PDB file of N, CA and C in Angstrom:
ATOM      1  N   UNK A   1     124.055 106.141 112.502  1.00  0.00           N
ATOM      2  CA  UNK A   1     123.123 106.086 111.400  1.00  0.00           C
ATOM      3  C   UNK A   1     121.754 106.540 111.880  1.00  0.00           C
ATOM      4  N   UNK A   2     121.023 107.157 110.977  1.00  0.00           N
ATOM      5  CA  UNK A   2     119.681 107.631 111.283  1.00  0.00           C
ATOM      6  C   UNK A   2     118.750 107.211 110.149  1.00  0.00           C
ATOM      7  N   UNK A   3     117.687 106.506 110.485  1.00  0.00           N
ATOM      8  CA  UNK A   3     116.710 106.100 109.482  1.00  0.00           C
ATOM      9  C   UNK A   3     115.865 107.315 109.116  1.00  0.00           C
ATOM     10  N   UNK A   4     115.914 107.722 107.853  1.00  0.00           N
ATOM     11  CA  UNK A   4     115.208 108.929 107.440  1.00  0.00           C
ATOM     12  C   UNK A   4     113.991 108.651 106.569  1.00  0.00           C
ATOM     13  N   UNK A   5     113.989 107.517 105.856  1.00  0.00           N
ATOM     14  CA  UNK A   5     112.820 107.191 105.051  1.00  0.00           C
ATOM     15  C   UNK A   5     112.724 105.695 104.829  1.00  0.00           C
ATOM     16  N   UNK A   6     111.511 105.258 104.511  1.00  0.00           N
ATOM     17  CA  UNK A   6     111.228 103.864 104.202  1.00  0.00           C
ATOM     18  C   UNK A   6     110.556 103.840 102.834  1.00  0.00           C
ATOM     19  N   UNK A   7     111.221 103.274 101.827  1.00  0.00           N
ATOM     20  CA  UNK A   7     110.607 103.184 100.505  1.00  0.00           C
ATOM     21  C   UNK A   7     109.758 101.925 100.358  1.00  0.00           C
ATOM     22  N   UNK A   8     108.605 102.083  99.745  1.00  0.00           N
ATOM     23  CA  UNK A   8     107.760 100.951  99.385  1.00  0.00           C
ATOM     24  C   UNK A   8     107.700 100.880  97.867  1.00  0.00           C
ATOM     25  N   UNK A   9     108.075  99.750  97.322  1.00  0.00           N
ATOM     26  CA  UNK A   9     107.980  99.537  95.882  1.00  0.00           C
ATOM     27  C   UNK A   9     106.591  98.969  95.629  1.00  0.00           C
ATOM     28  N   UNK A  10     105.818  99.643  94.777  1.00  0.00           N
ATOM     29  CA  UNK A  10     104.411  99.312  94.584  1.00  0.00           C
ATOM     30  C   UNK A  10     104.120  98.932  93.134  1.00  0.00           C
ATOM     31  N   UNK A  11     103.118  98.081  92.954  1.00  0.00           N
ATOM     32  CA  UNK A  11     102.747  97.622  91.616  1.00  0.00           C
ATOM     33  C   UNK A  11     101.910  98.657  90.868  1.00  0.00           C
ATOM     34  N   UNK A  12     100.955  99.259  91.547  1.00  0.00           N
ATOM     35  CA  UNK A  12     100.041 100.212  90.915  1.00  0.00           C
ATOM     36  C   UNK A  12     100.150 101.533  91.670  1.00  0.00           C
ATOM     37  N   UNK A  13     100.937 102.451  91.134  1.00  0.00           N
ATOM     38  CA  UNK A  13     101.225 103.698  91.833  1.00  0.00           C
ATOM     39  C   UNK A  13      99.967 104.493  92.188  1.00  0.00           C
ATOM     40  N   UNK A  14      99.030 104.728  91.252  1.00  0.00           N
ATOM     41  CA  UNK A  14      97.833 105.504  91.631  1.00  0.00           C
ATOM     42  C   UNK A  14      97.025 104.857  92.760  1.00  0.00           C
ATOM     43  N   UNK A  15      96.914 103.532  92.749  1.00  0.00           N
ATOM     44  CA  UNK A  15      96.174 102.840  93.809  1.00  0.00           C
ATOM     45  C   UNK A  15      96.893 102.996  95.143  1.00  0.00           C
ATOM     46  N   UNK A  16      98.211 102.820  95.142  1.00  0.00           N
ATOM     47  CA  UNK A  16      98.992 102.952  96.377  1.00  0.00           C
ATOM     48  C   UNK A  16      98.946 104.388  96.899  1.00  0.00           C
ATOM     49  N   UNK A  17      99.060 105.360  95.998  1.00  0.00           N
ATOM     50  CA  UNK A  17      98.985 106.768  96.392  1.00  0.00           C
ATOM     51  C   UNK A  17      97.650 107.063  97.056  1.00  0.00           C
ATOM     52  N   UNK A  18      96.556 106.620  96.454  1.00  0.00           N
ATOM     53  CA  UNK A  18      95.231 106.842  97.028  1.00  0.00           C
ATOM     54  C   UNK A  18      95.116 106.190  98.400  1.00  0.00           C
ATOM     55  N   UNK A  19      95.602 104.960  98.520  1.00  0.00           N
ATOM     56  CA  UNK A  19      95.495 104.250  99.794  1.00  0.00           C
ATOM     57  C   UNK A  19      96.222 105.002 100.913  1.00  0.00           C
ATOM     58  N   UNK A  20      97.480 105.341 100.701  1.00  0.00           N
ATOM     59  CA  UNK A  20      98.262 105.978 101.766  1.00  0.00           C
ATOM     60  C   UNK A  20      97.822 107.412 102.031  1.00  0.00           C
ATOM     61  N   UNK A  21      97.355 108.124 101.006  1.00  0.00           N
ATOM     62  CA  UNK A  21      96.901 109.513 101.177  1.00  0.00           C
ATOM     63  C   UNK A  21      95.467 109.587 101.692  1.00  0.00           C
ATOM     64  N   UNK A  22      94.538 108.879 101.048  1.00  0.00           N
ATOM     65  CA  UNK A  22      93.116 109.044 101.344  1.00  0.00           C
ATOM     66  C   UNK A  22      92.582 108.087 102.400  1.00  0.00           C
ATOM     67  N   UNK A  23      93.128 106.891 102.461  1.00  0.00           N
ATOM     68  CA  UNK A  23      92.641 105.901 103.414  1.00  0.00           C
ATOM     69  C   UNK A  23      93.446 105.961 104.709  1.00  0.00           C
ATOM     70  N   UNK A  24      94.777 105.847 104.598  1.00  0.00           N
ATOM     71  CA  UNK A  24      95.622 105.918 105.799  1.00  0.00           C
ATOM     72  C   UNK A  24      95.749 107.353 106.306  1.00  0.00           C
ATOM     73  N   UNK A  25      95.447 108.314 105.443  1.00  0.00           N
ATOM     74  CA  UNK A  25      95.437 109.739 105.782  1.00  0.00           C
ATOM     75  C   UNK A  25      96.806 110.281 106.210  1.00  0.00           C
ATOM     76  N   UNK A  26      97.870 109.768 105.570  1.00  0.00           N
ATOM     77  CA  UNK A  26      99.195 110.323 105.829  1.00  0.00           C
ATOM     78  C   UNK A  26      99.336 111.625 105.042  1.00  0.00           C
ATOM     79  N   UNK A  27      99.964 112.637 105.626  1.00  0.00           N
ATOM     80  CA  UNK A  27     100.161 113.905 104.918  1.00  0.00           C
ATOM     81  C   UNK A  27     101.126 113.735 103.737  1.00  0.00           C
ATOM     82  N   UNK A  28     100.639 114.046 102.558  1.00  0.00           N
ATOM     83  CA  UNK A  28     101.436 113.963 101.337  1.00  0.00           C
ATOM     84  C   UNK A  28     102.367 115.162 101.279  1.00  0.00           C
ATOM     85  N   UNK A  29     103.668 114.910 101.130  1.00  0.00           N
ATOM     86  CA  UNK A  29     104.628 116.010 101.042  1.00  0.00           C
ATOM     87  C   UNK A  29     105.127 116.226  99.616  1.00  0.00           C
ATOM     88  N   UNK A  30     105.012 115.197  98.751  1.00  0.00           N
ATOM     89  CA  UNK A  30     105.436 115.323  97.365  1.00  0.00           C
ATOM     90  C   UNK A  30     104.792 114.204  96.566  1.00  0.00           C
ATOM     91  N   UNK A  31     104.397 114.511  95.336  1.00  0.00           N
ATOM     92  CA  UNK A  31     103.869 113.481  94.454  1.00  0.00           C
ATOM     93  C   UNK A  31     104.097 113.876  93.003  1.00  0.00           C
ATOM     94  N   UNK A  32     104.557 112.915  92.211  1.00  0.00           N
ATOM     95  CA  UNK A  32     104.742 113.121  90.785  1.00  0.00           C
ATOM     96  C   UNK A  32     104.323 111.826  90.089  1.00  0.00           C
ATOM     97  N   UNK A  33     103.116 111.817  89.546  1.00  0.00           N
ATOM     98  CA  UNK A  33     102.624 110.604  88.890  1.00  0.00           C
ATOM     99  C   UNK A  33     103.420 110.287  87.634  1.00  0.00           C
ATOM    100  N   UNK A  34     104.030 111.283  86.990  1.00  0.00           N
ATOM    101  CA  UNK A  34     104.824 111.027  85.789  1.00  0.00           C
ATOM    102  C   UNK A  34     106.040 110.156  86.107  1.00  0.00           C
ATOM    103  N   UNK A  35     106.627 110.345  87.281  1.00  0.00           N
ATOM    104  CA  UNK A  35     107.784 109.537  87.678  1.00  0.00           C
ATOM    105  C   UNK A  35     107.410 108.443  88.666  1.00  0.00           C
ATOM    106  N   UNK A  36     106.116 108.367  89.026  1.00  0.00           N
ATOM    107  CA  UNK A  36     105.615 107.370  89.977  1.00  0.00           C
ATOM    108  C   UNK A  36     106.383 107.410  91.297  1.00  0.00           C
ATOM    109  N   UNK A  37     106.429 108.620  91.875  1.00  0.00           N
ATOM    110  CA  UNK A  37     107.144 108.832  93.128  1.00  0.00           C
ATOM    111  C   UNK A  37     106.314 109.724  94.030  1.00  0.00           C
ATOM    112  N   UNK A  38     106.220 109.362  95.301  1.00  0.00           N
ATOM    113  CA  UNK A  38     105.501 110.188  96.277  1.00  0.00           C
ATOM    114  C   UNK A  38     106.149 110.020  97.646  1.00  0.00           C
ATOM    115  N   UNK A  39     105.994 111.034  98.484  1.00  0.00           N
ATOM    116  CA  UNK A  39     106.491 110.925  99.857  1.00  0.00           C
ATOM    117  C   UNK A  39     105.434 111.438 100.822  1.00  0.00           C
ATOM    118  N   UNK A  40     105.450 110.849 102.020  1.00  0.00           N
ATOM    119  CA  UNK A  40     104.488 111.170 103.063  1.00  0.00           C
ATOM    120  C   UNK A  40     105.217 111.433 104.369  1.00  0.00           C
ATOM    121  N   UNK A  41     104.707 112.382 105.129  1.00  0.00           N
ATOM    122  CA  UNK A  41     105.239 112.692 106.453  1.00  0.00           C
ATOM    123  C   UNK A  41     104.593 111.755 107.464  1.00  0.00           C
ATOM    124  N   UNK A  42     105.408 110.984 108.177  1.00  0.00           N
ATOM    125  CA  UNK A  42     104.886 110.093 109.213  1.00  0.00           C
ATOM    126  C   UNK A  42     105.204 110.607 110.605  1.00  0.00           C
ATOM    127  N   UNK A  43     105.809 111.777 110.682  1.00  0.00           N
ATOM    128  CA  UNK A  43     106.146 112.356 111.977  1.00  0.00           C
ATOM    129  C   UNK A  43     107.604 112.184 112.346  1.00  0.00           C
ATOM    130  N   UNK A  44     108.167 111.000 112.090  1.00  0.00           N
ATOM    131  CA  UNK A  44     109.563 110.783 112.451  1.00  0.00           C
ATOM    132  C   UNK A  44     110.415 110.334 111.272  1.00  0.00           C
ATOM    133  N   UNK A  45     109.800 109.715 110.306  1.00  0.00           N
ATOM    134  CA  UNK A  45     110.491 109.310 109.082  1.00  0.00           C
ATOM    135  C   UNK A  45     109.576 109.630 107.909  1.00  0.00           C
ATOM    136  N   UNK A  46     110.094 109.469 106.725  1.00  0.00           N
ATOM    137  CA  UNK A  46     109.311 109.690 105.516  1.00  0.00           C
ATOM    138  C   UNK A  46     108.991 108.344 104.883  1.00  0.00           C
ATOM    139  N   UNK A  47     107.750 108.164 104.482  1.00  0.00           N
ATOM    140  CA  UNK A  47     107.347 106.988 103.726  1.00  0.00           C
ATOM    141  C   UNK A  47     107.370 107.371 102.254  1.00  0.00           C
ATOM    142  N   UNK A  48     108.132 106.627 101.453  1.00  0.00           N
ATOM    143  CA  UNK A  48     108.228 106.885 100.014  1.00  0.00           C
ATOM    144  C   UNK A  48     107.486 105.804  99.250  1.00  0.00           C
ATOM    145  N   UNK A  49     106.836 106.191  98.190  1.00  0.00           N
ATOM    146  CA  UNK A  49     106.250 105.236  97.252  1.00  0.00           C
ATOM    147  C   UNK A  49     106.965 105.395  95.925  1.00  0.00           C
ATOM    148  N   UNK A  50     107.301 104.284  95.302  1.00  0.00           N
ATOM    149  CA  UNK A  50     107.865 104.297  93.958  1.00  0.00           C
ATOM    150  C   UNK A  50     107.327 103.062  93.246  1.00  0.00           C
ATOM    151  N   UNK A  51     106.932 103.239  91.995  1.00  0.00           N
ATOM    152  CA  UNK A  51     106.392 102.091  91.263  1.00  0.00           C
ATOM    153  C   UNK A  51     107.504 101.090  90.987  1.00  0.00           C
ATOM    154  N   UNK A  52     107.134  99.818  90.900  1.00  0.00           N
ATOM    155  CA  UNK A  52     108.097  98.762  90.608  1.00  0.00           C
ATOM    156  C   UNK A  52     108.820  99.049  89.296  1.00  0.00           C
ATOM    157  N   UNK A  53     108.064  99.517  88.296  1.00  0.00           N
ATOM    158  CA  UNK A  53     108.659  99.815  86.989  1.00  0.00           C
ATOM    159  C   UNK A  53     109.660 100.972  87.082  1.00  0.00           C
ATOM    160  N   UNK A  54     109.291 102.037  87.778  1.00  0.00           N
ATOM    161  CA  UNK A  54     110.194 103.182  87.927  1.00  0.00           C
ATOM    162  C   UNK A  54     111.440 102.803  88.716  1.00  0.00           C
ATOM    163  N   UNK A  55     111.271 101.997  89.747  1.00  0.00           N
ATOM    164  CA  UNK A  55     112.415 101.549  90.542  1.00  0.00           C
ATOM    165  C   UNK A  55     113.372 100.729  89.691  1.00  0.00           C
ATOM    166  N   UNK A  56     112.819  99.786  88.941  1.00  0.00           N
ATOM    167  CA  UNK A  56     113.651  98.928  88.102  1.00  0.00           C
ATOM    168  C   UNK A  56     114.372  99.749  87.040  1.00  0.00           C
ATOM    169  N   UNK A  57     113.679 100.705  86.443  1.00  0.00           N
ATOM    170  CA  UNK A  57     114.274 101.547  85.410  1.00  0.00           C
ATOM    171  C   UNK A  57     115.393 102.415  85.977  1.00  0.00           C
ATOM    172  N   UNK A  58     115.138 103.050  87.096  1.00  0.00           N
ATOM    173  CA  UNK A  58     116.125 103.950  87.702  1.00  0.00           C
ATOM    174  C   UNK A  58     117.355 103.194  88.185  1.00  0.00           C
ATOM    175  N   UNK A  59     117.164 101.955  88.605  1.00  0.00           N
ATOM    176  CA  UNK A  59     118.271 101.180  89.163  1.00  0.00           C
ATOM    177  C   UNK A  59     118.801 100.112  88.217  1.00  0.00           C
ATOM    178  N   UNK A  60     118.265 100.103  86.989  1.00  0.00           N
ATOM    179  CA  UNK A  60     118.671  99.155  85.965  1.00  0.00           C
ATOM    180  C   UNK A  60     118.646  97.716  86.482  1.00  0.00           C
ATOM    181  N   UNK A  61     117.539  97.387  87.155  1.00  0.00           N
ATOM    182  CA  UNK A  61     117.359  96.024  87.653  1.00  0.00           C
ATOM    183  C   UNK A  61     115.984  95.541  87.237  1.00  0.00           C
ATOM    184  N   UNK A  62     115.809  94.258  87.311  1.00  0.00           N
ATOM    185  CA  UNK A  62     114.503  93.658  87.048  1.00  0.00           C
ATOM    186  C   UNK A  62     113.999  93.123  88.375  1.00  0.00           C
ATOM    187  N   UNK A  63     112.777  93.511  88.755  1.00  0.00           N
ATOM    188  CA  UNK A  63     112.197  93.010  89.997  1.00  0.00           C
ATOM    189  C   UNK A  63     111.126  91.994  89.668  1.00  0.00           C
ATOM    190  N   UNK A  64     110.938  91.011  90.497  1.00  0.00           N
ATOM    191  CA  UNK A  64     109.910  90.011  90.225  1.00  0.00           C
ATOM    192  C   UNK A  64     108.528  90.650  90.121  1.00  0.00           C
ATOM    193  N   UNK A  65     107.677  90.058  89.290  1.00  0.00           N
ATOM    194  CA  UNK A  65     106.319  90.581  89.124  1.00  0.00           C
ATOM    195  C   UNK A  65     105.541  90.515  90.427  1.00  0.00           C
ATOM    196  N   UNK A  66     105.704  89.452  91.186  1.00  0.00           N
ATOM    197  CA  UNK A  66     105.025  89.302  92.462  1.00  0.00           C
ATOM    198  C   UNK A  66     106.086  89.049  93.523  1.00  0.00           C
ATOM    199  N   UNK A  67     105.991  89.757  94.614  1.00  0.00           N
ATOM    200  CA  UNK A  67     106.923  89.592  95.720  1.00  0.00           C
ATOM    201  C   UNK A  67     106.143  89.326  96.992  1.00  0.00           C
ATOM    202  N   UNK A  68     106.737  88.631  97.918  1.00  0.00           N
ATOM    203  CA  UNK A  68     106.193  88.543  99.253  1.00  0.00           C
ATOM    204  C   UNK A  68     106.731  89.756  99.998  1.00  0.00           C
ATOM    205  N   UNK A  69     105.847  90.583 100.515  1.00  0.00           N
ATOM    206  CA  UNK A  69     106.259  91.820 101.163  1.00  0.00           C
ATOM    207  C   UNK A  69     106.238  91.708 102.681  1.00  0.00           C
ATOM    208  N   UNK A  70     106.536  90.529 103.206  1.00  0.00           N
ATOM    209  CA  UNK A  70     106.450  90.332 104.644  1.00  0.00           C
ATOM    210  C   UNK A  70     107.816  90.161 105.286  1.00  0.00           C
ATOM    211  N   UNK A  71     108.897  90.490 104.593  1.00  0.00           N
ATOM    212  CA  UNK A  71     110.210  90.407 105.207  1.00  0.00           C
ATOM    213  C   UNK A  71     110.459  91.619 106.103  1.00  0.00           C
ATOM    214  N   UNK A  72     109.619  92.603 105.996  1.00  0.00           N
ATOM    215  CA  UNK A  72     109.641  93.775 106.862  1.00  0.00           C
ATOM    216  C   UNK A  72     108.215  94.279 106.970  1.00  0.00           C
ATOM    217  N   UNK A  73     107.962  95.152 107.922  1.00  0.00           N
ATOM    218  CA  UNK A  73     106.624  95.732 108.013  1.00  0.00           C
ATOM    219  C   UNK A  73     106.714  97.142 108.565  1.00  0.00           C
ATOM    220  N   UNK A  74     105.661  97.892 108.311  1.00  0.00           N
ATOM    221  CA  UNK A  74     105.541  99.249 108.834  1.00  0.00           C
ATOM    222  C   UNK A  74     104.712  99.177 110.107  1.00  0.00           C
ATOM    223  N   UNK A  75     105.108  99.914 111.114  1.00  0.00           N
ATOM    224  CA  UNK A  75     104.386  99.925 112.383  1.00  0.00           C
ATOM    225  C   UNK A  75     104.002 101.359 112.705  1.00  0.00           C
ATOM    226  N   UNK A  76     102.687 101.579 112.921  1.00  0.00           N
ATOM    227  CA  UNK A  76     102.168 102.908 113.208  1.00  0.00           C
ATOM    228  C   UNK A  76     101.455 102.916 114.550  1.00  0.00           C
ATOM    229  N   UNK A  77     101.861 103.835 115.430  1.00  0.00           N
ATOM    230  CA  UNK A  77     101.107 104.056 116.657  1.00  0.00           C
ATOM    231  C   UNK A  77      99.924 104.945 116.312  1.00  0.00           C
ATOM    232  N   UNK A  78      98.728 104.541 116.745  1.00  0.00           N
ATOM    233  CA  UNK A  78      97.511 105.292 116.438  1.00  0.00           C
ATOM    234  C   UNK A  78      96.748 105.564 117.730  1.00  0.00           C
ATOM    235  N   UNK A  79      95.929 106.607 117.723  1.00  0.00           N
ATOM    236  CA  UNK A  79      95.147 106.963 118.904  1.00  0.00           C
ATOM    237  C   UNK A  79      93.990 106.002 119.145  1.00  0.00           C
ATOM    238  N   UNK A  80      93.308 105.599 118.076  1.00  0.00           N
ATOM    239  CA  UNK A  80      92.141 104.721 118.204  1.00  0.00           C
ATOM    240  C   UNK A  80      92.307 103.574 117.221  1.00  0.00           C
ATOM    241  N   UNK A  81      92.839 102.477 117.704  1.00  0.00           N
ATOM    242  CA  UNK A  81      93.167 101.362 116.817  1.00  0.00           C
ATOM    243  C   UNK A  81      91.927 100.770 116.153  1.00  0.00           C
ATOM    244  N   UNK A  82      90.822 100.680 116.873  1.00  0.00           N
ATOM    245  CA  UNK A  82      89.622 100.079 116.288  1.00  0.00           C
ATOM    246  C   UNK A  82      89.081 100.922 115.137  1.00  0.00           C
ATOM    247  N   UNK A  83      89.043 102.232 115.317  1.00  0.00           N
ATOM    248  CA  UNK A  83      88.560 103.124 114.263  1.00  0.00           C
ATOM    249  C   UNK A  83      89.527 103.151 113.082  1.00  0.00           C
ATOM    250  N   UNK A  84      90.824 103.212 113.355  1.00  0.00           N
ATOM    251  CA  UNK A  84      91.823 103.239 112.282  1.00  0.00           C
ATOM    252  C   UNK A  84      91.769 101.945 111.479  1.00  0.00           C
ATOM    253  N   UNK A  85      91.696 100.825 112.177  1.00  0.00           N
ATOM    254  CA  UNK A  85      91.602  99.529 111.514  1.00  0.00           C
ATOM    255  C   UNK A  85      90.361  99.483 110.607  1.00  0.00           C
ATOM    256  N   UNK A  86      89.228  99.898 111.128  1.00  0.00           N
ATOM    257  CA  UNK A  86      87.978  99.886 110.348  1.00  0.00           C
ATOM    258  C   UNK A  86      88.098 100.779 109.114  1.00  0.00           C
ATOM    259  N   UNK A  87      88.683 101.956 109.264  1.00  0.00           N
ATOM    260  CA  UNK A  87      88.862 102.869 108.130  1.00  0.00           C
ATOM    261  C   UNK A  87      89.754 102.245 107.063  1.00  0.00           C
ATOM    262  N   UNK A  88      90.855 101.597 107.478  1.00  0.00           N
ATOM    263  CA  UNK A  88      91.769 100.990 106.511  1.00  0.00           C
ATOM    264  C   UNK A  88      91.100  99.827 105.774  1.00  0.00           C
ATOM    265  N   UNK A  89      90.362  99.005 106.498  1.00  0.00           N
ATOM    266  CA  UNK A  89      89.662  97.882 105.855  1.00  0.00           C
ATOM    267  C   UNK A  89      88.613  98.407 104.874  1.00  0.00           C
ATOM    268  N   UNK A  90      87.859  99.414 105.281  1.00  0.00           N
ATOM    269  CA  UNK A  90      86.847  99.995 104.398  1.00  0.00           C
ATOM    270  C   UNK A  90      87.480 100.607 103.152  1.00  0.00           C
ATOM    271  N   UNK A  91      88.725 101.062 103.272  1.00  0.00           N
ATOM    272  CA  UNK A  91      89.410 101.694 102.154  1.00  0.00           C
ATOM    273  C   UNK A  91      90.216 100.749 101.278  1.00  0.00           C
ATOM    274  N   UNK A  92      90.167  99.461 101.558  1.00  0.00           N
ATOM    275  CA  UNK A  92      90.832  98.521 100.670  1.00  0.00           C
ATOM    276  C   UNK A  92      91.946  97.697 101.283  1.00  0.00           C
ATOM    277  N   UNK A  93      92.308  97.926 102.535  1.00  0.00           N
ATOM    278  CA  UNK A  93      93.317  97.089 103.180  1.00  0.00           C
ATOM    279  C   UNK A  93      92.731  95.699 103.408  1.00  0.00           C
ATOM    280  N   UNK A  94      93.595  94.724 103.529  1.00  0.00           N
ATOM    281  CA  UNK A  94      93.183  93.355 103.814  1.00  0.00           C
ATOM    282  C   UNK A  94      93.577  93.021 105.247  1.00  0.00           C
ATOM    283  N   UNK A  95      92.661  92.451 105.992  1.00  0.00           N
ATOM    284  CA  UNK A  95      92.931  92.105 107.386  1.00  0.00           C
ATOM    285  C   UNK A  95      93.870  90.912 107.485  1.00  0.00           C
ATOM    286  N   UNK A  96      94.861  91.034 108.349  1.00  0.00           N
ATOM    287  CA  UNK A  96      95.685  89.903 108.746  1.00  0.00           C
ATOM    288  C   UNK A  96      95.134  89.395 110.074  1.00  0.00           C
ATOM    289  N   UNK A  97      94.906  90.323 111.006  1.00  0.00           N
ATOM    290  CA  UNK A  97      94.116  90.027 112.195  1.00  0.00           C
ATOM    291  C   UNK A  97      93.547  91.311 112.761  1.00  0.00           C
ATOM    292  N   UNK A  98      92.359  91.181 113.348  1.00  0.00           N
ATOM    293  CA  UNK A  98      91.625  92.317 113.907  1.00  0.00           C
ATOM    294  C   UNK A  98      92.292  92.804 115.186  1.00  0.00           C
ATOM    295  N   UNK A  99      91.941  94.030 115.623  1.00  0.00           N
ATOM    296  CA  UNK A  99      92.520  94.548 116.862  1.00  0.00           C
ATOM    297  C   UNK A  99      92.255  93.615 118.044  1.00  0.00           C
ATOM    298  N   UNK A 100      93.321  93.390 118.789  1.00  0.00           N
ATOM    299  CA  UNK A 100      93.205  92.586 120.006  1.00  0.00           C
ATOM    300  C   UNK A 100      94.291  93.008 120.984  1.00  0.00           C
ATOM    301  N   UNK A 101      94.048  92.707 122.253  1.00  0.00           N
ATOM    302  CA  UNK A 101      94.974  93.088 123.318  1.00  0.00           C
ATOM    303  C   UNK A 101      96.123  92.091 123.425  1.00  0.00           C
ATOM    304  N   UNK A 102      97.310  92.637 123.641  1.00  0.00           N
ATOM    305  CA  UNK A 102      98.504  91.845 123.897  1.00  0.00           C
ATOM    306  C   UNK A 102      99.085  92.324 125.222  1.00  0.00           C
ATOM    307  N   UNK A 103      98.600  91.767 126.338  1.00  0.00           N
ATOM    308  CA  UNK A 103      99.042  92.234 127.654  1.00  0.00           C
ATOM    309  C   UNK A 103     100.557  92.195 127.845  1.00  0.00           C
ATOM    310  N   UNK A 104     101.222  91.166 127.307  1.00  0.00           N
ATOM    311  CA  UNK A 104     102.675  91.073 127.483  1.00  0.00           C
ATOM    312  C   UNK A 104     103.427  92.185 126.747  1.00  0.00           C
ATOM    313  N   UNK A 105     102.794  92.810 125.754  1.00  0.00           N
ATOM    314  CA  UNK A 105     103.399  93.937 125.047  1.00  0.00           C
ATOM    315  C   UNK A 105     102.808  95.271 125.496  1.00  0.00           C
ATOM    316  N   UNK A 106     101.831  95.201 126.420  1.00  0.00           N
ATOM    317  CA  UNK A 106     101.190  96.405 126.940  1.00  0.00           C
ATOM    318  C   UNK A 106     100.594  97.259 125.821  1.00  0.00           C
ATOM    319  N   UNK A 107      99.951  96.577 124.855  1.00  0.00           N
ATOM    320  CA  UNK A 107      99.383  97.295 123.712  1.00  0.00           C
ATOM    321  C   UNK A 107      98.247  96.505 123.084  1.00  0.00           C
ATOM    322  N   UNK A 108      97.412  97.220 122.371  1.00  0.00           N
ATOM    323  CA  UNK A 108      96.378  96.635 121.515  1.00  0.00           C
ATOM    324  C   UNK A 108      96.921  96.753 120.092  1.00  0.00           C
ATOM    325  N   UNK A 109      96.868  95.648 119.326  1.00  0.00           N
ATOM    326  CA  UNK A 109      97.466  95.638 117.995  1.00  0.00           C
ATOM    327  C   UNK A 109      96.529  95.014 116.971  1.00  0.00           C
ATOM    328  N   UNK A 110      96.798  95.355 115.722  1.00  0.00           N
ATOM    329  CA  UNK A 110      96.152  94.728 114.571  1.00  0.00           C
ATOM    330  C   UNK A 110      97.155  94.757 113.425  1.00  0.00           C
ATOM    331  N   UNK A 111      96.958  93.884 112.456  1.00  0.00           N
ATOM    332  CA  UNK A 111      97.786  93.901 111.253  1.00  0.00           C
ATOM    333  C   UNK A 111      96.882  93.856 110.025  1.00  0.00           C
ATOM    334  N   UNK A 112      97.273  94.621 109.012  1.00  0.00           N
ATOM    335  CA  UNK A 112      96.608  94.634 107.717  1.00  0.00           C
ATOM    336  C   UNK A 112      97.688  94.598 106.644  1.00  0.00           C
ATOM    337  N   UNK A 113      97.257  94.402 105.403  1.00  0.00           N
ATOM    338  CA  UNK A 113      98.172  94.604 104.284  1.00  0.00           C
ATOM    339  C   UNK A 113      97.597  95.691 103.391  1.00  0.00           C
ATOM    340  N   UNK A 114      98.492  96.459 102.791  1.00  0.00           N
ATOM    341  CA  UNK A 114      98.067  97.492 101.850  1.00  0.00           C
ATOM    342  C   UNK A 114      97.766  96.841 100.504  1.00  0.00           C
ATOM    343  N   UNK A 115      97.351  97.605  99.483  1.00  0.00           N
ATOM    344  CA  UNK A 115      96.999  96.998  98.201  1.00  0.00           C
ATOM    345  C   UNK A 115      98.127  96.209  97.534  1.00  0.00           C
ATOM    346  N   UNK A 116      99.392  96.484  97.906  1.00  0.00           N
ATOM    347  CA  UNK A 116     100.511  95.735  97.337  1.00  0.00           C
ATOM    348  C   UNK A 116     100.957  94.574  98.217  1.00  0.00           C
ATOM    349  N   UNK A 117     100.259  94.350  99.322  1.00  0.00           N
ATOM    350  CA  UNK A 117     100.609  93.241 100.194  1.00  0.00           C
ATOM    351  C   UNK A 117     101.629  93.564 101.265  1.00  0.00           C
ATOM    352  N   UNK A 118     102.033  94.849 101.383  1.00  0.00           N
ATOM    353  CA  UNK A 118     102.954  95.230 102.462  1.00  0.00           C
ATOM    354  C   UNK A 118     102.241  95.083 103.801  1.00  0.00           C
ATOM    355  N   UNK A 119     102.915  94.473 104.738  1.00  0.00           N
ATOM    356  CA  UNK A 119     102.359  94.258 106.065  1.00  0.00           C
ATOM    357  C   UNK A 119     102.430  95.555 106.872  1.00  0.00           C
ATOM    358  N   UNK A 120     101.319  95.924 107.495  1.00  0.00           N
ATOM    359  CA  UNK A 120     101.221  97.154 108.280  1.00  0.00           C
ATOM    360  C   UNK A 120     100.684  96.812 109.661  1.00  0.00           C
ATOM    361  N   UNK A 121     101.443  97.173 110.680  1.00  0.00           N
ATOM    362  CA  UNK A 121     101.011  96.982 112.059  1.00  0.00           C
ATOM    363  C   UNK A 121     100.431  98.279 112.597  1.00  0.00           C
ATOM    364  N   UNK A 122      99.340  98.154 113.312  1.00  0.00           N
ATOM    365  CA  UNK A 122      98.730  99.279 114.022  1.00  0.00           C
ATOM    366  C   UNK A 122      98.792  98.930 115.502  1.00  0.00           C
ATOM    367  N   UNK A 123      99.125  99.911 116.340  1.00  0.00           N
ATOM    368  CA  UNK A 123      99.123  99.615 117.766  1.00  0.00           C
ATOM    369  C   UNK A 123      98.768 100.855 118.572  1.00  0.00           C
ATOM    370  N   UNK A 124      98.168 100.589 119.706  1.00  0.00           N
ATOM    371  CA  UNK A 124      97.847 101.626 120.695  1.00  0.00           C
ATOM    372  C   UNK A 124      98.358 101.112 122.033  1.00  0.00           C
ATOM    373  N   UNK A 125      99.302 101.831 122.652  1.00  0.00           N
ATOM    374  CA  UNK A 125      99.779 101.387 123.965  1.00  0.00           C
ATOM    375  C   UNK A 125      98.653 101.441 124.986  1.00  0.00           C
ATOM    376  N   UNK A 126      98.687 100.507 125.939  1.00  0.00           N
ATOM    377  CA  UNK A 126      97.744 100.570 127.055  1.00  0.00           C
ATOM    378  C   UNK A 126      98.017 101.840 127.860  1.00  0.00           C
ATOM    379  N   UNK A 127      96.985 102.433 128.448  1.00  0.00           N
ATOM    380  CA  UNK A 127      97.201 103.595 129.305  1.00  0.00           C
ATOM    381  C   UNK A 127      98.120 103.226 130.478  1.00  0.00           C
ATOM    382  N   UNK A 128      98.974 104.162 130.843  1.00  0.00           N
ATOM    383  CA  UNK A 128      99.871 103.913 131.981  1.00  0.00           C
ATOM    384  C   UNK A 128      99.074 103.954 133.270  1.00  0.00           C
ATOM    385  N   UNK A 129      99.393 103.015 134.133  1.00  0.00           N
ATOM    386  CA  UNK A 129      98.657 102.914 135.405  1.00  0.00           C
ATOM    387  C   UNK A 129      99.028 104.035 136.364  1.00  0.00           C
TER     388      UNK A 129
END
């Protein structure tokens, strides 16, 4: 099996699209606001956005109005965790915790949530000795 994409079901498609495109600065590969669907190139997999309403309609299911989005999280390796974290917070992300060193993981990490509450990890590996 090969993981090719990660879908995020979002409450407000235009807000989520702006966040991932303009704040997180992921390259947009496709977007259709009429169907509330967008995809972004993350380098190794594709991040998909689909509105909760469009997802429910397409799959003939009803999704809860509010969900806890912490059963999974997105993890992004970044070059400058402090700058990336600051940019995301300035653009509307909510801090879970600020960048800090985790020596046992050999990385500096931070966590934020996007406008829909999806947990996002940022990390920068420590330089190799």
